[in-house]
Each structure stands twice: as C-alpha cells, then as structure tokens.
N, C-alpha and C. Protein backbone atom coordinates (compact mmCIF):
# COMPACT_ATOMS: atom_id res chain seq x y z
N UNK A 1 11.36 -11.73 11.12
CA UNK A 1 9.63 -11.43 10.09
C UNK A 1 10.00 -12.06 8.69
N UNK A 2 8.32 -12.49 9.03
CA UNK A 2 8.21 -12.76 7.08
C UNK A 2 7.33 -11.82 6.83
N UNK A 3 7.47 -12.12 5.37
CA UNK A 3 6.59 -10.57 4.93
C UNK A 3 5.00 -11.08 4.92
N UNK A 4 4.69 -10.33 5.19
CA UNK A 4 3.63 -9.49 5.52
C UNK A 4 3.18 -9.89 7.61
N UNK A 5 4.46 -9.98 8.36
CA UNK A 5 4.25 -10.32 9.61
C UNK A 5 4.19 -8.71 10.15
N UNK A 6 3.84 -8.47 11.13
CA UNK A 6 4.00 -6.85 11.83
C UNK A 6 3.99 -6.68 12.86
N UNK A 7 4.92 -6.32 13.14
CA UNK A 7 5.91 -6.02 14.68
C UNK A 7 4.74 -6.19 15.27
N UNK A 8 4.27 -6.73 16.17
CA UNK A 8 3.54 -6.74 17.68
C UNK A 8 4.18 -6.43 18.42
N UNK A 9 4.63 -5.92 19.53
CA UNK A 9 4.53 -5.80 20.47
C UNK A 9 3.91 -6.28 21.84
N UNK A 10 4.91 -7.08 22.79
CA UNK A 10 3.60 -8.48 23.49
C UNK A 10 3.34 -7.39 24.81
N UNK A 11 1.80 -7.09 25.32
CA UNK A 11 1.22 -6.32 25.76
C UNK A 11 1.64 -7.16 27.75
N UNK A 12 2.13 -8.54 27.65
CA UNK A 12 2.56 -8.60 29.01
C UNK A 12 4.00 -8.63 29.08
N UNK A 13 4.70 -7.93 30.59
CA UNK A 13 6.21 -8.05 30.11
C UNK A 13 6.76 -9.20 31.24
N UNK A 14 5.80 -9.85 32.14
CA UNK A 14 6.24 -10.72 32.87
C UNK A 14 5.58 -12.10 33.08
N UNK A 15 6.57 -13.10 32.66
CA UNK A 15 5.37 -14.24 32.27
C UNK A 15 4.16 -14.44 33.08
N UNK A 16 3.10 -15.80 33.15
CA UNK A 16 2.27 -15.64 33.78
C UNK A 16 2.25 -17.24 34.12
N UNK A 17 1.63 -17.34 35.16
CA UNK A 17 1.66 -19.28 35.58
C UNK A 17 0.10 -18.98 35.82
N UNK A 18 0.05 -20.66 35.58
CA UNK A 18 -1.18 -21.40 36.11
C UNK A 18 -0.97 -21.31 37.64
N UNK A 19 -2.24 -20.58 38.20
CA UNK A 19 -2.59 -20.91 39.54
C UNK A 19 -3.72 -21.50 40.70
N UNK A 20 -4.42 -21.70 41.18
CA UNK A 20 -5.59 -21.43 41.43
C UNK A 20 -5.62 -20.75 43.55
N UNK A 21 -5.75 -20.34 43.06
CA UNK A 21 -6.15 -18.93 44.56
C UNK A 21 -7.12 -18.59 44.62
N UNK A 22 -7.51 -18.62 46.01
CA UNK A 22 -9.27 -18.07 46.47
C UNK A 22 -8.91 -16.92 46.48
N UNK A 23 -9.25 -16.17 46.59
CA UNK A 23 -9.24 -14.58 47.68
C UNK A 23 -10.31 -13.08 47.13
N UNK A 24 -10.39 -12.19 46.95
CA UNK A 24 -11.46 -11.41 47.22
C UNK A 24 -10.71 -10.43 46.59
N UNK A 25 -11.68 -9.41 46.05
CA UNK A 25 -11.90 -8.26 45.07
C UNK A 25 -12.83 -7.14 45.70
N UNK A 26 -12.45 -6.19 46.37
CA UNK A 26 -13.60 -5.64 46.87
C UNK A 26 -13.39 -4.02 45.53
N UNK A 27 -14.29 -3.48 44.92
CA UNK A 27 -14.19 -2.55 43.98
C UNK A 27 -15.41 -1.60 45.43
N UNK A 28 -16.11 -0.30 44.41
CA UNK A 28 -16.32 0.77 45.67
C UNK A 28 -17.79 0.28 46.38
N UNK A 29 -18.15 -0.91 45.34
CA UNK A 29 -20.02 -0.75 46.01
C UNK A 29 -19.85 -1.86 46.59
N UNK A 30 -19.14 -3.20 45.82
CA UNK A 30 -19.02 -4.45 46.82
C UNK A 30 -17.42 -4.92 46.79
N UNK A 31 -18.24 -5.93 47.84
CA UNK A 31 -16.71 -7.56 47.62
C UNK A 31 -17.30 -7.97 46.92
N UNK A 32 -16.10 -9.23 46.23
CA UNK A 32 -16.36 -10.29 45.48
C UNK A 32 -15.61 -11.60 46.06
N UNK A 33 -16.05 -12.63 45.74
CA UNK A 33 -14.70 -13.52 46.14
C UNK A 33 -13.77 -14.21 44.63
N UNK A 34 -12.59 -14.34 44.77
CA UNK A 34 -12.44 -14.44 43.64
C UNK A 34 -11.65 -15.37 43.00
N UNK A 35 -11.66 -16.33 42.15
CA UNK A 35 -10.14 -17.03 42.31
C UNK A 35 -9.10 -16.67 40.52
N UNK A 36 -7.92 -17.03 41.54
CA UNK A 36 -7.02 -16.30 40.89
C UNK A 36 -6.78 -17.38 39.91
N UNK A 37 -7.04 -17.18 38.37
CA UNK A 37 -6.27 -19.01 37.26
C UNK A 37 -4.81 -18.55 36.82
N UNK A 38 -4.48 -17.00 36.97
CA UNK A 38 -3.14 -17.02 36.61
C UNK A 38 -2.75 -16.19 36.89
N UNK A 39 -1.08 -16.00 36.93
CA UNK A 39 -0.23 -14.72 37.85
C UNK A 39 1.11 -14.96 37.40
N UNK A 40 0.87 -13.25 37.76
CA UNK A 40 2.62 -12.81 36.87
C UNK A 40 3.24 -11.32 37.77
N UNK A 41 4.10 -11.09 37.87
CA UNK A 41 3.80 -10.21 38.88
C UNK A 41 3.61 -8.76 38.32
N UNK A 42 3.02 -8.46 37.48
CA UNK A 42 2.50 -7.46 36.91
C UNK A 42 0.45 -7.44 36.61
N UNK A 43 0.02 -8.63 37.15
CA UNK A 43 -1.19 -8.95 37.14
C UNK A 43 -1.18 -10.05 37.08
N UNK A 44 -2.94 -10.48 37.42
CA UNK A 44 -3.33 -12.08 36.91
C UNK A 44 -5.15 -11.94 36.07
N UNK A 45 -5.00 -12.96 36.18
CA UNK A 45 -6.47 -13.40 35.79
C UNK A 45 -7.80 -13.92 36.80
N UNK A 46 -8.89 -13.12 36.87
CA UNK A 46 -9.47 -13.38 37.98
C UNK A 46 -10.75 -14.02 37.30
N UNK A 47 -11.46 -15.31 37.94
CA UNK A 47 -12.91 -15.63 37.87
C UNK A 47 -13.21 -15.40 38.76
N UNK A 48 -14.53 -14.56 38.51
CA UNK A 48 -15.19 -13.73 39.68
C UNK A 48 -16.76 -13.98 38.97
N UNK A 49 -17.82 -13.20 39.34
CA UNK A 49 -18.83 -12.77 39.06
C UNK A 49 -18.92 -11.63 39.65
N UNK A 50 -19.74 -10.32 38.59
CA UNK A 50 -20.16 -9.27 38.44
C UNK A 50 -18.72 -8.04 39.27
N UNK A 51 -18.16 -8.26 38.74
CA UNK A 51 -16.98 -7.37 39.25
C UNK A 51 -17.10 -6.40 38.17
N UNK A 52 -16.33 -4.45 38.72
CA UNK A 52 -16.12 -3.99 38.05
C UNK A 52 -15.49 -4.00 36.10
N UNK A 53 -16.08 -3.39 35.71
CA UNK A 53 -16.20 -2.75 34.26
C UNK A 53 -14.46 -3.22 34.42
N UNK A 54 -13.84 -2.93 32.88
CA UNK A 54 -12.34 -2.09 33.17
C UNK A 54 -12.21 -0.78 32.35
N UNK A 55 -11.07 -0.39 33.24
CA UNK A 55 -10.89 1.14 33.70
C UNK A 55 -11.26 1.21 35.23
N UNK A 56 -12.13 0.31 35.44
CA UNK A 56 -12.21 0.63 37.11
C UNK A 56 -11.34 -0.07 38.31
N UNK A 57 -10.75 0.42 39.08
CA UNK A 57 -10.49 0.09 39.83
C UNK A 57 -10.44 -0.87 41.22
N UNK A 58 -9.43 -1.70 41.09
CA UNK A 58 -10.40 -3.40 42.92
C UNK A 58 -8.95 -3.06 43.62
N UNK A 59 -9.04 -3.58 44.75
CA UNK A 59 -8.04 -3.88 46.01
C UNK A 59 -8.52 -5.12 46.39
N UNK A 60 -7.45 -5.97 46.48
CA UNK A 60 -7.47 -7.46 46.00
C UNK A 60 -6.47 -7.91 46.93
N UNK A 61 -6.88 -9.31 47.80
CA UNK A 61 -6.42 -9.73 48.50
C UNK A 61 -6.60 -11.32 48.53
N UNK A 62 -4.97 -11.69 48.32
CA UNK A 62 -4.87 -13.16 47.89
C UNK A 62 -3.89 -14.16 49.16
N UNK A 63 -4.66 -14.61 50.39
CA UNK A 63 -3.75 -14.83 51.69
C UNK A 63 -3.16 -13.10 52.16
N UNK A 64 -2.03 -13.18 52.28
CA UNK A 64 -1.32 -12.31 52.83
C UNK A 64 -1.09 -10.91 52.21
N UNK A 65 -1.22 -11.31 50.70
CA UNK A 65 -0.90 -10.55 49.74
C UNK A 65 -1.96 -9.60 49.74
N UNK A 66 -1.89 -7.90 49.45
CA UNK A 66 -2.88 -6.97 48.76
C UNK A 66 -2.10 -6.31 47.91
N UNK A 67 -2.80 -5.89 47.35
CA UNK A 67 -2.71 -4.85 46.40
C UNK A 67 -3.92 -3.46 45.62
N UNK A 68 -3.40 -2.71 45.24
CA UNK A 68 -5.24 -2.17 44.35
C UNK A 68 -3.95 -2.51 42.54
N UNK A 69 -5.35 -2.86 41.68
CA UNK A 69 -5.33 -2.76 40.92
C UNK A 69 -6.26 -2.62 40.02
N UNK A 70 -6.47 -2.43 38.45
CA UNK A 70 -7.32 -1.91 37.28
C UNK A 70 -7.60 -3.09 36.52
N UNK A 71 -9.04 -3.43 36.25
CA UNK A 71 -9.66 -4.01 35.48
C UNK A 71 -8.98 -3.89 34.15
N UNK A 72 -8.48 -4.59 33.83
CA UNK A 72 -8.25 -4.31 31.42
C UNK A 72 -8.49 -4.53 30.73
N UNK A 73 -9.48 -5.93 31.26
CA UNK A 73 -10.29 -6.08 30.24
C UNK A 73 -11.16 -7.62 31.07
N UNK A 74 -12.67 -8.07 30.15
CA UNK A 74 -13.60 -9.05 31.19
C UNK A 74 -13.57 -10.07 29.24
N UNK A 75 -14.01 -10.78 30.09
CA UNK A 75 -14.47 -11.70 29.29
C UNK A 75 -15.67 -12.81 29.85
N UNK A 76 -16.79 -12.63 29.61
CA UNK A 76 -17.87 -13.24 30.83
C UNK A 76 -17.62 -12.89 31.85
N UNK A 77 -17.10 -13.82 32.69
CA UNK A 77 -16.77 -14.11 34.48
C UNK A 77 -15.70 -14.28 34.33
N UNK A 78 -14.41 -14.34 33.30
CA UNK A 78 -12.84 -13.49 33.70
C UNK A 78 -12.68 -12.31 33.45
N UNK A 79 -11.99 -12.67 34.00
CA UNK A 79 -11.48 -10.84 34.33
C UNK A 79 -10.12 -11.12 33.88
N UNK A 80 -9.13 -9.71 33.61
CA UNK A 80 -7.56 -9.28 33.76
C UNK A 80 -7.20 -7.88 34.24
N UNK A 81 -6.32 -8.33 35.42
CA UNK A 81 -6.08 -6.62 35.92
C UNK A 81 -4.82 -7.48 36.31
N UNK A 82 -4.71 -5.23 35.99
CA UNK A 82 -2.64 -5.59 36.18
C UNK A 82 -3.25 -4.69 38.04
N UNK A 83 -2.07 -5.23 38.55
CA UNK A 83 -0.88 -4.32 39.96
C UNK A 83 -1.01 -2.92 39.25
N UNK A 84 -1.23 -2.22 40.47
CA UNK A 84 -0.90 -1.42 40.74
C UNK A 84 0.80 -1.14 41.28
N UNK A 85 1.39 -1.91 41.04
CA UNK A 85 2.48 -1.86 41.78
C UNK A 85 3.07 -3.35 41.21
N UNK A 86 3.80 -4.12 40.71
CA UNK A 86 4.77 -5.42 40.69
C UNK A 86 4.70 -6.49 41.68
N UNK A 87 3.95 -7.43 41.96
CA UNK A 87 4.50 -7.95 43.34
C UNK A 87 6.00 -8.34 42.91
N UNK A 88 6.47 -8.17 44.60
CA UNK A 88 8.21 -9.10 44.39
C UNK A 88 8.30 -10.60 44.49
N UNK A 89 9.03 -10.57 44.09
CA UNK A 89 9.38 -12.47 43.94
C UNK A 89 8.95 -13.13 45.51
N UNK A 90 9.25 -12.78 46.35
CA UNK A 90 9.24 -13.35 47.20
C UNK A 90 7.10 -13.13 47.11
N UNK A 91 6.73 -11.99 47.46
CA UNK A 91 4.86 -12.35 47.42
C UNK A 91 5.00 -13.35 46.48
N UNK A 92 4.92 -13.21 45.18
CA UNK A 92 5.16 -14.67 44.24
C UNK A 92 4.87 -15.78 44.71
N UNK A 93 6.46 -16.04 45.07
CA UNK A 93 7.01 -17.23 45.89
C UNK A 93 5.71 -17.71 47.29
N UNK A 94 4.94 -16.89 47.78
CA UNK A 94 4.23 -17.33 49.20
C UNK A 94 2.90 -17.42 48.39
N UNK A 95 2.75 -16.91 47.68
CA UNK A 95 1.21 -16.82 46.35
C UNK A 95 1.16 -18.35 46.12
N UNK A 96 2.21 -18.47 45.28
CA UNK A 96 2.32 -19.96 44.74
C UNK A 96 2.24 -21.38 46.12
N UNK A 97 3.11 -21.56 46.28
CA UNK A 97 3.23 -22.37 47.85
C UNK A 97 1.58 -22.27 48.56
N UNK A 98 0.54 -21.23 48.83
CA UNK A 98 -0.02 -21.05 48.81
C UNK A 98 -1.27 -22.41 47.96
N UNK A 99 -0.66 -21.79 46.39
CA UNK A 99 -2.05 -22.30 45.75
C UNK A 99 -1.68 -23.81 45.24
N UNK A 100 -0.55 -24.16 45.65
CA UNK A 100 0.29 -25.87 45.68
C UNK A 100 -0.81 -26.14 46.56
N UNK A 101 -0.72 -25.55 48.00
CA UNK A 101 -1.56 -26.02 49.00
C UNK A 101 -3.09 -26.57 48.67
N UNK A 102 -3.22 -25.53 48.17
CA UNK A 102 -4.77 -25.61 48.12
C UNK A 102 -5.14 -26.21 46.73
N UNK A 103 -4.11 -26.89 45.69
CA UNK A 103 -4.24 -28.00 45.11
C UNK A 103 -4.61 -28.86 45.82
N UNK A 104 -3.52 -29.14 47.06
CA UNK A 104 -3.64 -30.58 47.55
C UNK A 104 -4.57 -31.10 48.35
N UNK A 105 -5.06 -29.49 48.74
CA UNK A 105 -6.44 -29.44 50.25
C UNK A 105 -7.99 -29.69 49.19
N UNK A 106 -7.72 -29.73 47.61
CA UNK A 106 -8.83 -30.15 46.69
C UNK A 106 -9.67 -29.21 46.30
N UNK A 107 -8.60 -28.16 45.88
CA UNK A 107 -9.63 -26.79 45.20
C UNK A 107 -9.44 -27.06 43.70
N UNK A 108 -9.70 -27.57 43.33
CA UNK A 108 -9.50 -27.88 42.06
C UNK A 108 -10.74 -27.44 41.64
N UNK A 109 -10.62 -26.35 40.41
CA UNK A 109 -11.86 -25.17 39.12
C UNK A 109 -12.19 -27.22 38.41
C-alpha cells in the first residue's frame, strides 16, 4: 500500500461476468420484466424500470433459476441485487448458456 492509500475492502466477494438475460422480478405490489446485465454467484445487476427501492426484497426468476434477493443499490433504471443464497456453479453455468443462446438469437441491448 502506498502512502495516503487506505485499505478498502472489496464489497464483491465473487467476480461478476457480463451477460444479457431476460427475467422477471416480483415485489410485493407488482412484477417487472428485467434484463440481467452482469452476474455473480452472490448477486446481479438488473436493468429495469420501477423496481423496489434499496433495502426491499424481490423474487427473481431467470430461466430455470429463481431466488429471493435484496435490492442493494439503484442508479436510474439500473439496480444491484444480492441473492439471499448464493447460486451454485451449475445454476450459473445454466444461466450463462442461456445468455449465450440469447446473444445468438439477437437479444442485444
């Protein structure tokens, strides 16, 4: 560490990978279509409109994967969520296969 630098702990414990996945997010009062634009075992970045605010819970469905998650940040129509339980390697691999298929099918942003 150099002089003047502080020790900053990384908030992300697992690396994120860019993807393009269609999914749904369900809050207490409504559901919304979402695009998952990056993904890790512990969370994801969602592009969506009118999702709940940071601190609120969501039920997220992407293909065969579903989980409860908490909104941890928001910037305009982009949201960061943390999964209540980390996704397994098998679940991540399945979602990445879907992302690859969607890119070939023309689901570009």
